Amino acid sequence: MAEDKSPAEKPLKLRARDPADMDVIAALLQDALVPLSDMAYLAPEKRFVMVANRFRWHGDPAEDARPSTPAPQLDGEDVAFAEEGDAPPFERVNSGLCFDRVERVRYRGLTPGRDDEILNLLTITARPDAITLIFAGDAAVRLEVAAIRCHLEDIGEPWPTRWRPQHDIAPGQGA
């Protein structure tokens, strides 16, 4: 008999059809790592697809309630899990993202075809006629769409990580 999984353990599978729905997708994909080679515009199908290495921000509510600890600083090399003692507290998972009814794609600050480049997705903005994927380093992908038709789905199993994305707060901004 298959073991029932808690909602936090089940693979994510969502659709978005308006800007408010896209806000949810944006929150779930914040800080995803996206290899440029894992993005493609399939013009004949009017479809833009990508695979993102997504940090699992959602999870056990008890985990979310505990105080946040700063991410360890790397000195050029990752620390093996066995040396740390405890199991890694966070997870990442690969997620497929698909946009349909895409009329045109514009790129800023990046060159499609650079297979070795890894992008850090900061957020996604949406209007009824355009979706913009905003990456660190002033890079962006703008999708001009006939309508918002987006599908996000986890693919594969999550894996443990010790590293939680961390953002500096600019002076004058609240925590």
Foldseek 3Di string as FASTA:
>chain_A
DDDDDDPLQDKDKDKDFFQVSQQVVFVQAAFWKWFLQQWDQPQVQQKIKGKTFTWGPDDDVVVVPDDDDAADDDPPDDDDPVVVPDFADTKTFIKMKMWHQFNDKDKDPDDRPPRVDMWTFHGWGDHQQWIWTATPPRIIMITGGPTTIMIMITDDGIDGDNGDDDDDDDPPDDD
